[in-house]
Amino acid sequence: MPNSRDPFEEGERAARKNIPAEANPYRFGSEEHALWAAGHEKIAGAREAGESEDD
């Protein structure tokens, strides 16, 4: 039975809520950890890029 949770989407949601990347709930080194981090970075990175353009 596949996991209904999507770590990538969870990471995106966390970034939108301004939850820091250090709050990744998955075990370091696991595929889920990497997916969560990638989702978080997608949103947080885009947000930071947008903020730097405003300067």
PDB file of N, CA and C in Angstrom:
ATOM      1  N   MET A   1       0.845  -1.175   0.000  1.00  0.00           N
ATOM      2  CA  MET A   1       0.000   0.000   0.000  1.00  0.00           C
ATOM      3  C   MET A   1       0.893   1.242   0.000  1.00  0.00           C
ATOM      4  N   PRO A   2       0.729   2.109  -0.991  1.00  0.00           N
ATOM      5  CA  PRO A   2       1.576   3.295  -1.060  1.00  0.00           C
ATOM      6  C   PRO A   2       1.274   4.295   0.045  1.00  0.00           C
ATOM      7  N   ASN A   3       2.293   5.051   0.389  1.00  0.00           N
ATOM      8  CA  ASN A   3       2.156   6.075   1.419  1.00  0.00           C
ATOM      9  C   ASN A   3       1.333   7.226   0.844  1.00  0.00           C
ATOM     10  N   SER A   4       0.272   7.621   1.533  1.00  0.00           N
ATOM     11  CA  SER A   4      -0.595   8.688   1.032  1.00  0.00           C
ATOM     12  C   SER A   4       0.007  10.072   1.292  1.00  0.00           C
ATOM     13  N   ARG A   5       1.013  10.147   2.128  1.00  0.00           N
ATOM     14  CA  ARG A   5       1.672  11.427   2.419  1.00  0.00           C
ATOM     15  C   ARG A   5       2.715  11.694   1.344  1.00  0.00           C
ATOM     16  N   ASP A   6       2.812  12.929   0.920  1.00  0.00           N
ATOM     17  CA  ASP A   6       3.802  13.328  -0.067  1.00  0.00           C
ATOM     18  C   ASP A   6       4.796  14.266   0.605  1.00  0.00           C
ATOM     19  N   PRO A   7       5.989  13.780   0.906  1.00  0.00           N
ATOM     20  CA  PRO A   7       6.977  14.608   1.608  1.00  0.00           C
ATOM     21  C   PRO A   7       7.318  15.895   0.866  1.00  0.00           C
ATOM     22  N   PHE A   8       7.343  15.853  -0.464  1.00  0.00           N
ATOM     23  CA  PHE A   8       7.645  17.057  -1.243  1.00  0.00           C
ATOM     24  C   PHE A   8       6.595  18.132  -0.985  1.00  0.00           C
ATOM     25  N   GLU A   9       5.316  17.746  -1.057  1.00  0.00           N
ATOM     26  CA  GLU A   9       4.229  18.697  -0.805  1.00  0.00           C
ATOM     27  C   GLU A   9       4.233  19.167   0.648  1.00  0.00           C
ATOM     28  N   GLU A  10       4.579  18.271   1.566  1.00  0.00           N
ATOM     29  CA  GLU A  10       4.664  18.675   2.973  1.00  0.00           C
ATOM     30  C   GLU A  10       5.748  19.735   3.159  1.00  0.00           C
ATOM     31  N   GLY A  11       6.870  19.574   2.472  1.00  0.00           N
ATOM     32  CA  GLY A  11       7.945  20.558   2.546  1.00  0.00           C
ATOM     33  C   GLY A  11       7.524  21.902   1.968  1.00  0.00           C
ATOM     34  N   GLU A  12       6.767  21.854   0.857  1.00  0.00           N
ATOM     35  CA  GLU A  12       6.250  23.096   0.275  1.00  0.00           C
ATOM     36  C   GLU A  12       5.324  23.810   1.258  1.00  0.00           C
ATOM     37  N   ARG A  13       4.423  23.049   1.868  1.00  0.00           N
ATOM     38  CA  ARG A  13       3.487  23.648   2.843  1.00  0.00           C
ATOM     39  C   ARG A  13       4.241  24.244   4.023  1.00  0.00           C
ATOM     40  N   ALA A  14       5.251  23.537   4.495  1.00  0.00           N
ATOM     41  CA  ALA A  14       6.035  24.042   5.631  1.00  0.00           C
ATOM     42  C   ALA A  14       6.697  25.372   5.283  1.00  0.00           C
ATOM     43  N   ALA A  15       7.250  25.470   4.092  1.00  0.00           N
ATOM     44  CA  ALA A  15       7.904  26.721   3.685  1.00  0.00           C
ATOM     45  C   ALA A  15       6.892  27.857   3.593  1.00  0.00           C
ATOM     46  N   ARG A  16       5.706  27.557   3.092  1.00  0.00           N
ATOM     47  CA  ARG A  16       4.666  28.586   2.995  1.00  0.00           C
ATOM     48  C   ARG A  16       4.242  29.087   4.371  1.00  0.00           C
ATOM     49  N   LYS A  17       4.359  28.211   5.371  1.00  0.00           N
ATOM     50  CA  LYS A  17       3.996  28.575   6.745  1.00  0.00           C
ATOM     51  C   LYS A  17       5.200  29.140   7.502  1.00  0.00           C
ATOM     52  N   ASN A  18       6.305  29.370   6.783  1.00  0.00           N
ATOM     53  CA  ASN A  18       7.543  29.887   7.375  1.00  0.00           C
ATOM     54  C   ASN A  18       8.139  28.962   8.423  1.00  0.00           C
ATOM     55  N   ILE A  19       7.927  27.675   8.268  1.00  0.00           N
ATOM     56  CA  ILE A  19       8.548  26.683   9.141  1.00  0.00           C
ATOM     57  C   ILE A  19       9.969  26.459   8.615  1.00  0.00           C
ATOM     58  N   PRO A  20      10.968  26.542   9.462  1.00  0.00           N
ATOM     59  CA  PRO A  20      12.353  26.422   8.989  1.00  0.00           C
ATOM     60  C   PRO A  20      12.684  25.024   8.467  1.00  0.00           C
ATOM     61  N   ALA A  21      13.647  24.966   7.568  1.00  0.00           N
ATOM     62  CA  ALA A  21      14.068  23.698   6.976  1.00  0.00           C
ATOM     63  C   ALA A  21      14.562  22.713   8.035  1.00  0.00           C
ATOM     64  N   GLU A  22      15.069  23.230   9.136  1.00  0.00           N
ATOM     65  CA  GLU A  22      15.572  22.365  10.207  1.00  0.00           C
ATOM     66  C   GLU A  22      14.458  21.546  10.854  1.00  0.00           C
ATOM     67  N   ALA A  23      13.218  21.904  10.591  1.00  0.00           N
ATOM     68  CA  ALA A  23      12.080  21.193  11.179  1.00  0.00           C
ATOM     69  C   ALA A  23      11.673  19.970  10.357  1.00  0.00           C
ATOM     70  N   ASN A  24      12.462  19.602   9.373  1.00  0.00           N
ATOM     71  CA  ASN A  24      12.171  18.431   8.554  1.00  0.00           C
ATOM     72  C   ASN A  24      11.916  17.231   9.467  1.00  0.00           C
ATOM     73  N   PRO A  25      10.715  16.635   9.380  1.00  0.00           N
ATOM     74  CA  PRO A  25      10.359  15.567  10.317  1.00  0.00           C
ATOM     75  C   PRO A  25      10.890  14.189   9.946  1.00  0.00           C
ATOM     76  N   TYR A  26      11.531  14.061   8.810  1.00  0.00           N
ATOM     77  CA  TYR A  26      11.985  12.752   8.348  1.00  0.00           C
ATOM     78  C   TYR A  26      13.429  12.492   8.734  1.00  0.00           C
ATOM     79  N   ARG A  27      13.760  11.215   8.827  1.00  0.00           N
ATOM     80  CA  ARG A  27      15.108  10.788   9.219  1.00  0.00           C
ATOM     81  C   ARG A  27      16.128  11.262   8.191  1.00  0.00           C
ATOM     82  N   PHE A  28      17.172  11.932   8.668  1.00  0.00           N
ATOM     83  CA  PHE A  28      18.234  12.433   7.800  1.00  0.00           C
ATOM     84  C   PHE A  28      18.791  11.281   6.972  1.00  0.00           C
ATOM     85  N   GLY A  29      18.947  11.507   5.688  1.00  0.00           N
ATOM     86  CA  GLY A  29      19.491  10.483   4.799  1.00  0.00           C
ATOM     87  C   GLY A  29      18.426   9.663   4.102  1.00  0.00           C
ATOM     88  N   SER A  30      17.170   9.799   4.550  1.00  0.00           N
ATOM     89  CA  SER A  30      16.097   9.030   3.914  1.00  0.00           C
ATOM     90  C   SER A  30      15.608   9.748   2.661  1.00  0.00           C
ATOM     91  N   GLU A  31      14.965   8.996   1.784  1.00  0.00           N
ATOM     92  CA  GLU A  31      14.394   9.585   0.575  1.00  0.00           C
ATOM     93  C   GLU A  31      13.344  10.638   0.930  1.00  0.00           C
ATOM     94  N   GLU A  32      12.554  10.353   1.967  1.00  0.00           N
ATOM     95  CA  GLU A  32      11.520  11.299   2.389  1.00  0.00           C
ATOM     96  C   GLU A  32      12.141  12.618   2.859  1.00  0.00           C
ATOM     97  N   HIS A  33      13.256  12.519   3.586  1.00  0.00           N
ATOM     98  CA  HIS A  33      13.950  13.722   4.057  1.00  0.00           C
ATOM     99  C   HIS A  33      14.376  14.572   2.870  1.00  0.00           C
ATOM    100  N   ALA A  34      14.946  13.938   1.860  1.00  0.00           N
ATOM    101  CA  ALA A  34      15.408  14.662   0.675  1.00  0.00           C
ATOM    102  C   ALA A  34      14.237  15.288  -0.079  1.00  0.00           C
ATOM    103  N   LEU A  35      13.136  14.570  -0.205  1.00  0.00           N
ATOM    104  CA  LEU A  35      11.963  15.102  -0.894  1.00  0.00           C
ATOM    105  C   LEU A  35      11.374  16.292  -0.145  1.00  0.00           C
ATOM    106  N   TRP A  36      11.259  16.163   1.182  1.00  0.00           N
ATOM    107  CA  TRP A  36      10.726  17.261   1.995  1.00  0.00           C
ATOM    108  C   TRP A  36      11.612  18.491   1.826  1.00  0.00           C
ATOM    109  N   ALA A  37      12.922  18.296   1.896  1.00  0.00           N
ATOM    110  CA  ALA A  37      13.864  19.404   1.762  1.00  0.00           C
ATOM    111  C   ALA A  37      13.756  20.054   0.382  1.00  0.00           C
ATOM    112  N   ALA A  38      13.575  19.248  -0.649  1.00  0.00           N
ATOM    113  CA  ALA A  38      13.446  19.794  -2.006  1.00  0.00           C
ATOM    114  C   ALA A  38      12.172  20.625  -2.143  1.00  0.00           C
ATOM    115  N   GLY A  39      11.085  20.149  -1.584  1.00  0.00           N
ATOM    116  CA  GLY A  39       9.844  20.919  -1.618  1.00  0.00           C
ATOM    117  C   GLY A  39       9.970  22.214  -0.851  1.00  0.00           C
ATOM    118  N   HIS A  40      10.614  22.154   0.294  1.00  0.00           N
ATOM    119  CA  HIS A  40      10.824  23.350   1.113  1.00  0.00           C
ATOM    120  C   HIS A  40      11.676  24.357   0.353  1.00  0.00           C
ATOM    121  N   GLU A  41      12.752  23.888  -0.253  1.00  0.00           N
ATOM    122  CA  GLU A  41      13.661  24.773  -0.976  1.00  0.00           C
ATOM    123  C   GLU A  41      12.985  25.398  -2.190  1.00  0.00           C
ATOM    124  N   LYS A  42      12.117  24.646  -2.847  1.00  0.00           N
ATOM    125  CA  LYS A  42      11.400  25.185  -4.014  1.00  0.00           C
ATOM    126  C   LYS A  42      10.649  26.461  -3.635  1.00  0.00           C
ATOM    127  N   ILE A  43       9.954  26.428  -2.509  1.00  0.00           N
ATOM    128  CA  ILE A  43       9.157  27.578  -2.074  1.00  0.00           C
ATOM    129  C   ILE A  43      10.042  28.632  -1.413  1.00  0.00           C
ATOM    130  N   ALA A  44      10.878  28.207  -0.490  1.00  0.00           N
ATOM    131  CA  ALA A  44      11.729  29.162   0.232  1.00  0.00           C
ATOM    132  C   ALA A  44      12.711  29.839  -0.712  1.00  0.00           C
ATOM    133  N   GLY A  45      13.264  29.099  -1.645  1.00  0.00           N
ATOM    134  CA  GLY A  45      14.203  29.677  -2.600  1.00  0.00           C
ATOM    135  C   GLY A  45      13.542  30.706  -3.494  1.00  0.00           C
ATOM    136  N   ALA A  46      12.337  30.396  -3.943  1.00  0.00           N
ATOM    137  CA  ALA A  46      11.602  31.339  -4.792  1.00  0.00           C
ATOM    138  C   ALA A  46      11.245  32.591  -3.995  1.00  0.00           C
ATOM    139  N   ARG A  47      10.875  32.402  -2.748  1.00  0.00           N
ATOM    140  CA  ARG A  47      10.540  33.542  -1.890  1.00  0.00           C
ATOM    141  C   ARG A  47      11.762  34.426  -1.677  1.00  0.00           C
ATOM    142  N   GLU A  48      12.906  33.820  -1.396  1.00  0.00           N
ATOM    143  CA  GLU A  48      14.131  34.595  -1.179  1.00  0.00           C
ATOM    144  C   GLU A  48      14.552  35.313  -2.455  1.00  0.00           C
ATOM    145  N   ALA A  49      14.400  34.680  -3.593  1.00  0.00           N
ATOM    146  CA  ALA A  49      14.752  35.308  -4.867  1.00  0.00           C
ATOM    147  C   ALA A  49      13.860  36.525  -5.111  1.00  0.00           C
ATOM    148  N   GLY A  50      12.606  36.400  -4.793  1.00  0.00           N
ATOM    149  CA  GLY A  50      11.674  37.511  -4.953  1.00  0.00           C
ATOM    150  C   GLY A  50      11.993  38.663  -4.035  1.00  0.00           C
ATOM    151  N   GLU A  51      12.418  38.356  -2.822  1.00  0.00           N
ATOM    152  CA  GLU A  51      12.770  39.403  -1.871  1.00  0.00           C
ATOM    153  C   GLU A  51      14.024  40.143  -2.317  1.00  0.00           C
ATOM    154  N   SER A  52      14.998  39.434  -2.878  1.00  0.00           N
ATOM    155  CA  SER A  52      16.224  40.089  -3.291  1.00  0.00           C
ATOM    156  C   SER A  52      15.985  40.988  -4.500  1.00  0.00           C
ATOM    157  N   GLU A  53      14.997  40.681  -5.328  1.00  0.00           N
ATOM    158  CA  GLU A  53      14.680  41.507  -6.488  1.00  0.00           C
ATOM    159  C   GLU A  53      14.050  42.841  -6.062  1.00  0.00           C
ATOM    160  N   ASP A  54      13.458  42.864  -4.877  1.00  0.00           N
ATOM    161  CA  ASP A  54      12.820  44.081  -4.392  1.00  0.00           C
ATOM    162  C   ASP A  54      13.823  45.124  -3.898  1.00  0.00           C
ATOM    163  N   ASP A  55      15.062  44.697  -3.667  1.00  0.00           N
ATOM    164  CA  ASP A  55      16.081  45.624  -3.146  1.00  0.00           C
ATOM    165  C   ASP A  55      16.479  46.658  -4.151  1.00  0.00           C
TER     166      ASP A  55
END
